[in-house]
Amino acid sequence: MHKPNNYVVHAPMTANQVLEKAAEIVANRYLRGDVFTNPQATKDFLQYKMAGYEREVFAVLLLDNQHRLIEYKELFFGTIDAASVYPRGVVKVAFNCNAAAVIFAHNHPSGIAEPSNADKQITQKLRDALSLIDIRVLDHFVVGETCISFAERGYL
């Protein structure tokens, strides 16, 4: 029998499977029970979740009024260097989950996490659309070899 903080694996795991389990551990330990006020825990979670993807993926963390995680949802999938993001789809998901706030995240498969002008423009479009229904955008993270926060950079 194993203890609650011990993990038993009965078969080989790929690197991506290990990272997915690490993201679950971070989520259980830091995010689900706590509010999303710990940027480093959020970065760790997103790094484990998204850094290994070979194509761009755009995700949203849907949060309640206390900034607790309702759901992590990957919404749009692209190519090695771009993903089309549709504000209508983001608004629909946020509204249907009754989210009070959101955090956006997407990866750069190149490993270079520097936000592009297109990243900044879509973030502003999403922010404008969600503000119409009183849903706050708390941050947007770009995941590569490192994780960059729009809020920390003053982009939001």
C-alpha atoms as a PDB file:
ATOM      1  CA  MET A   1       0.000   0.000   0.000  1.00  0.00           C
ATOM      2  CA  HIS A   2       1.312   3.457  -0.837  1.00  0.00           C
ATOM      3  CA  LYS A   3       1.023   6.698   1.100  1.00  0.00           C
ATOM      4  CA  PRO A   4      -1.075   9.587  -0.304  1.00  0.00           C
ATOM      5  CA  ASN A   5       2.017  11.507  -1.447  1.00  0.00           C
ATOM      6  CA  ASN A   6       3.675   8.488  -3.039  1.00  0.00           C
ATOM      7  CA  TYR A   7       3.033   7.482  -6.622  1.00  0.00           C
ATOM      8  CA  VAL A   8       3.289   3.959  -7.973  1.00  0.00           C
ATOM      9  CA  VAL A   9       3.756   3.367 -11.679  1.00  0.00           C
ATOM     10  CA  HIS A  10       3.269  -0.129 -13.065  1.00  0.00           C
ATOM     11  CA  ALA A  11       4.256   0.582 -16.653  1.00  0.00           C
ATOM     12  CA  PRO A  12       6.738   2.759 -18.504  1.00  0.00           C
ATOM     13  CA  MET A  13       5.661   6.363 -19.065  1.00  0.00           C
ATOM     14  CA  THR A  14       6.593   8.804 -21.804  1.00  0.00           C
ATOM     15  CA  ALA A  15       8.075  12.173 -20.893  1.00  0.00           C
ATOM     16  CA  ASN A  16       4.750  13.836 -21.773  1.00  0.00           C
ATOM     17  CA  GLN A  17       2.867  11.456 -19.456  1.00  0.00           C
ATOM     18  CA  VAL A  18       5.268  12.316 -16.622  1.00  0.00           C
ATOM     19  CA  LEU A  19       4.760  16.050 -17.250  1.00  0.00           C
ATOM     20  CA  GLU A  20       0.978  15.586 -17.327  1.00  0.00           C
ATOM     21  CA  LYS A  21       1.152  13.879 -13.909  1.00  0.00           C
ATOM     22  CA  ALA A  22       3.380  16.696 -12.631  1.00  0.00           C
ATOM     23  CA  ALA A  23       0.754  19.227 -13.771  1.00  0.00           C
ATOM     24  CA  GLU A  24      -1.919  17.272 -11.880  1.00  0.00           C
ATOM     25  CA  ILE A  25       0.226  17.295  -8.728  1.00  0.00           C
ATOM     26  CA  VAL A  26       0.817  21.057  -9.015  1.00  0.00           C
ATOM     27  CA  ALA A  27      -2.905  21.625  -9.593  1.00  0.00           C
ATOM     28  CA  ASN A  28      -3.894  19.492  -6.613  1.00  0.00           C
ATOM     29  CA  ARG A  29      -1.284  20.957  -4.314  1.00  0.00           C
ATOM     30  CA  TYR A  30      -1.351  24.638  -5.219  1.00  0.00           C
ATOM     31  CA  LEU A  31      -4.179  25.616  -7.492  1.00  0.00           C
ATOM     32  CA  ARG A  32      -7.445  23.838  -6.856  1.00  0.00           C
ATOM     33  CA  GLY A  33      -7.628  24.607  -3.162  1.00  0.00           C
ATOM     34  CA  ASP A  34      -6.031  28.028  -3.316  1.00  0.00           C
ATOM     35  CA  VAL A  35      -6.840  31.150  -5.203  1.00  0.00           C
ATOM     36  CA  PHE A  36      -4.810  31.965  -8.296  1.00  0.00           C
ATOM     37  CA  THR A  37      -2.677  34.505  -6.498  1.00  0.00           C
ATOM     38  CA  ASN A  38       0.527  32.484  -6.756  1.00  0.00           C
ATOM     39  CA  PRO A  39       1.989  33.315 -10.181  1.00  0.00           C
ATOM     40  CA  GLN A  40       4.843  30.820  -9.825  1.00  0.00           C
ATOM     41  CA  ALA A  41       2.471  27.911  -9.109  1.00  0.00           C
ATOM     42  CA  THR A  42       0.389  28.966 -12.117  1.00  0.00           C
ATOM     43  CA  LYS A  43       3.531  29.099 -14.281  1.00  0.00           C
ATOM     44  CA  ASP A  44       4.629  25.661 -13.043  1.00  0.00           C
ATOM     45  CA  PHE A  45       1.213  24.181 -13.801  1.00  0.00           C
ATOM     46  CA  LEU A  46       1.151  25.659 -17.318  1.00  0.00           C
ATOM     47  CA  GLN A  47       4.771  24.714 -18.006  1.00  0.00           C
ATOM     48  CA  TYR A  48       4.075  21.070 -17.154  1.00  0.00           C
ATOM     49  CA  LYS A  49       0.807  21.108 -19.107  1.00  0.00           C
ATOM     50  CA  MET A  50       1.870  22.851 -22.298  1.00  0.00           C
ATOM     51  CA  ALA A  51       5.635  22.972 -22.802  1.00  0.00           C
ATOM     52  CA  GLY A  52       5.844  19.594 -24.547  1.00  0.00           C
ATOM     53  CA  TYR A  53       3.296  20.303 -27.266  1.00  0.00           C
ATOM     54  CA  GLU A  54       4.579  20.223 -30.840  1.00  0.00           C
ATOM     55  CA  ARG A  55       1.920  22.650 -32.093  1.00  0.00           C
ATOM     56  CA  GLU A  56       0.380  25.804 -30.668  1.00  0.00           C
ATOM     57  CA  VAL A  57      -2.435  25.263 -28.208  1.00  0.00           C
ATOM     58  CA  PHE A  58      -4.547  28.048 -26.693  1.00  0.00           C
ATOM     59  CA  ALA A  59      -6.074  27.301 -23.295  1.00  0.00           C
ATOM     60  CA  VAL A  60      -8.167  29.115 -20.736  1.00  0.00           C
ATOM     61  CA  LEU A  61      -8.263  28.670 -16.983  1.00  0.00           C
ATOM     62  CA  LEU A  62     -11.818  29.389 -15.883  1.00  0.00           C
ATOM     63  CA  LEU A  63     -12.018  30.827 -12.372  1.00  0.00           C
ATOM     64  CA  ASP A  64     -14.756  31.518  -9.847  1.00  0.00           C
ATOM     65  CA  ASN A  65     -15.239  34.757  -7.873  1.00  0.00           C
ATOM     66  CA  GLN A  66     -12.525  33.712  -5.418  1.00  0.00           C
ATOM     67  CA  HIS A  67     -10.153  32.963  -8.327  1.00  0.00           C
ATOM     68  CA  ARG A  68     -10.322  29.225  -7.697  1.00  0.00           C
ATOM     69  CA  LEU A  69     -10.050  26.936 -10.689  1.00  0.00           C
ATOM     70  CA  ILE A  70     -13.360  25.789 -12.157  1.00  0.00           C
ATOM     71  CA  GLU A  71     -11.778  24.172 -15.193  1.00  0.00           C
ATOM     72  CA  TYR A  72      -8.689  24.158 -17.400  1.00  0.00           C
ATOM     73  CA  LYS A  73      -9.810  23.948 -21.015  1.00  0.00           C
ATOM     74  CA  GLU A  74      -7.759  23.734 -24.209  1.00  0.00           C
ATOM     75  CA  LEU A  75      -9.846  25.521 -26.840  1.00  0.00           C
ATOM     76  CA  PHE A  76      -7.862  26.056 -30.024  1.00  0.00           C
ATOM     77  CA  PHE A  77      -5.178  23.985 -31.716  1.00  0.00           C
ATOM     78  CA  GLY A  78      -2.894  25.280 -34.426  1.00  0.00           C
ATOM     79  CA  THR A  79       0.313  24.583 -36.272  1.00  0.00           C
ATOM     80  CA  ILE A  80       3.938  24.803 -35.194  1.00  0.00           C
ATOM     81  CA  ASP A  81       3.837  28.599 -35.215  1.00  0.00           C
ATOM     82  CA  ALA A  82       0.228  29.793 -35.003  1.00  0.00           C
ATOM     83  CA  ALA A  83      -3.236  29.027 -33.654  1.00  0.00           C
ATOM     84  CA  SER A  84      -6.428  30.803 -34.627  1.00  0.00           C
ATOM     85  CA  VAL A  85      -8.292  32.060 -31.558  1.00  0.00           C
ATOM     86  CA  TYR A  86     -11.954  33.030 -31.817  1.00  0.00           C
ATOM     87  CA  PRO A  87     -13.351  35.450 -29.201  1.00  0.00           C
ATOM     88  CA  ARG A  88     -16.865  34.045 -29.675  1.00  0.00           C
ATOM     89  CA  GLY A  89     -15.671  30.562 -28.607  1.00  0.00           C
ATOM     90  CA  VAL A  90     -13.851  31.928 -25.554  1.00  0.00           C
ATOM     91  CA  VAL A  91     -16.865  34.010 -24.463  1.00  0.00           C
ATOM     92  CA  LYS A  92     -19.186  31.016 -24.889  1.00  0.00           C
ATOM     93  CA  VAL A  93     -17.018  28.704 -22.765  1.00  0.00           C
ATOM     94  CA  ALA A  94     -16.476  31.313 -20.035  1.00  0.00           C
ATOM     95  CA  PHE A  95     -20.171  32.167 -19.896  1.00  0.00           C
ATOM     96  CA  ASN A  96     -21.298  28.508 -19.856  1.00  0.00           C
ATOM     97  CA  CYS A  97     -18.905  27.715 -16.977  1.00  0.00           C
ATOM     98  CA  ASN A  98     -20.164  30.749 -15.055  1.00  0.00           C
ATOM     99  CA  ALA A  99     -16.588  32.004 -14.771  1.00  0.00           C
ATOM    100  CA  ALA A 100     -15.989  35.297 -12.989  1.00  0.00           C
ATOM    101  CA  ALA A 101     -12.413  35.566 -14.267  1.00  0.00           C
ATOM    102  CA  VAL A 102     -10.072  33.857 -16.703  1.00  0.00           C
ATOM    103  CA  ILE A 103      -6.390  33.338 -17.319  1.00  0.00           C
ATOM    104  CA  PHE A 104      -5.272  32.645 -20.880  1.00  0.00           C
ATOM    105  CA  ALA A 105      -2.300  30.515 -21.830  1.00  0.00           C
ATOM    106  CA  HIS A 106      -0.737  29.346 -25.028  1.00  0.00           C
ATOM    107  CA  ASN A 107       2.520  27.722 -25.930  1.00  0.00           C
ATOM    108  CA  HIS A 108       5.228  28.551 -28.431  1.00  0.00           C
ATOM    109  CA  PRO A 109       6.608  25.212 -29.704  1.00  0.00           C
ATOM    110  CA  SER A 110       9.824  26.992 -30.731  1.00  0.00           C
ATOM    111  CA  GLY A 111      10.589  27.362 -27.021  1.00  0.00           C
ATOM    112  CA  ILE A 112      10.841  31.169 -27.313  1.00  0.00           C
ATOM    113  CA  ALA A 113       8.162  32.484 -24.957  1.00  0.00           C
ATOM    114  CA  GLU A 114       8.373  36.126 -26.011  1.00  0.00           C
ATOM    115  CA  PRO A 115       4.831  37.394 -26.786  1.00  0.00           C
ATOM    116  CA  SER A 116       4.237  38.479 -30.375  1.00  0.00           C
ATOM    117  CA  ASN A 117       2.224  41.495 -31.506  1.00  0.00           C
ATOM    118  CA  ALA A 118      -0.506  39.058 -32.597  1.00  0.00           C
ATOM    119  CA  ASP A 119      -0.540  37.618 -29.043  1.00  0.00           C
ATOM    120  CA  LYS A 120      -1.016  41.108 -27.607  1.00  0.00           C
ATOM    121  CA  GLN A 121      -3.749  41.972 -30.114  1.00  0.00           C
ATOM    122  CA  ILE A 122      -5.831  38.821 -29.513  1.00  0.00           C
ATOM    123  CA  THR A 123      -5.484  39.290 -25.757  1.00  0.00           C
ATOM    124  CA  GLN A 124      -6.921  42.802 -26.069  1.00  0.00           C
ATOM    125  CA  LYS A 125      -9.777  41.553 -28.302  1.00  0.00           C
ATOM    126  CA  LEU A 126     -10.599  38.803 -25.785  1.00  0.00           C
ATOM    127  CA  ARG A 127     -10.391  41.240 -22.892  1.00  0.00           C
ATOM    128  CA  ASP A 128     -12.786  43.629 -24.645  1.00  0.00           C
ATOM    129  CA  ALA A 129     -15.256  40.845 -25.478  1.00  0.00           C
ATOM    130  CA  LEU A 130     -15.252  39.381 -21.965  1.00  0.00           C
ATOM    131  CA  SER A 131     -15.579  42.773 -20.300  1.00  0.00           C
ATOM    132  CA  LEU A 132     -19.008  43.122 -21.947  1.00  0.00           C
ATOM    133  CA  ILE A 133     -20.243  40.241 -19.789  1.00  0.00           C
ATOM    134  CA  ASP A 134     -18.271  41.204 -16.652  1.00  0.00           C
ATOM    135  CA  ILE A 135     -15.622  38.485 -16.840  1.00  0.00           C
ATOM    136  CA  ARG A 136     -12.156  39.702 -15.807  1.00  0.00           C
ATOM    137  CA  VAL A 137      -8.968  38.709 -17.622  1.00  0.00           C
ATOM    138  CA  LEU A 138      -6.332  38.265 -14.921  1.00  0.00           C
ATOM    139  CA  ASP A 139      -3.371  37.250 -17.070  1.00  0.00           C
ATOM    140  CA  HIS A 140      -2.137  35.635 -20.260  1.00  0.00           C
ATOM    141  CA  PHE A 141       0.866  33.327 -20.083  1.00  0.00           C
ATOM    142  CA  VAL A 142       3.075  32.334 -23.002  1.00  0.00           C
ATOM    143  CA  VAL A 143       4.754  28.985 -22.394  1.00  0.00           C
ATOM    144  CA  GLY A 144       8.067  28.015 -23.970  1.00  0.00           C
ATOM    145  CA  GLU A 145      11.334  27.085 -22.314  1.00  0.00           C
ATOM    146  CA  THR A 146      10.260  29.708 -19.774  1.00  0.00           C
ATOM    147  CA  CYS A 147       6.828  31.108 -18.968  1.00  0.00           C
ATOM    148  CA  ILE A 148       6.056  34.803 -19.575  1.00  0.00           C
ATOM    149  CA  SER A 149       3.202  36.643 -17.835  1.00  0.00           C
ATOM    150  CA  PHE A 150       1.443  39.531 -19.591  1.00  0.00           C
ATOM    151  CA  ALA A 151       0.463  40.973 -16.204  1.00  0.00           C
ATOM    152  CA  GLU A 152       4.044  40.915 -14.930  1.00  0.00           C
ATOM    153  CA  ARG A 153       5.189  42.623 -18.125  1.00  0.00           C
ATOM    154  CA  GLY A 154       2.511  45.320 -17.809  1.00  0.00           C
ATOM    155  CA  TYR A 155       0.669  44.262 -20.987  1.00  0.00           C
ATOM    156  CA  LEU A 156      -2.700  43.967 -19.227  1.00  0.00           C
END
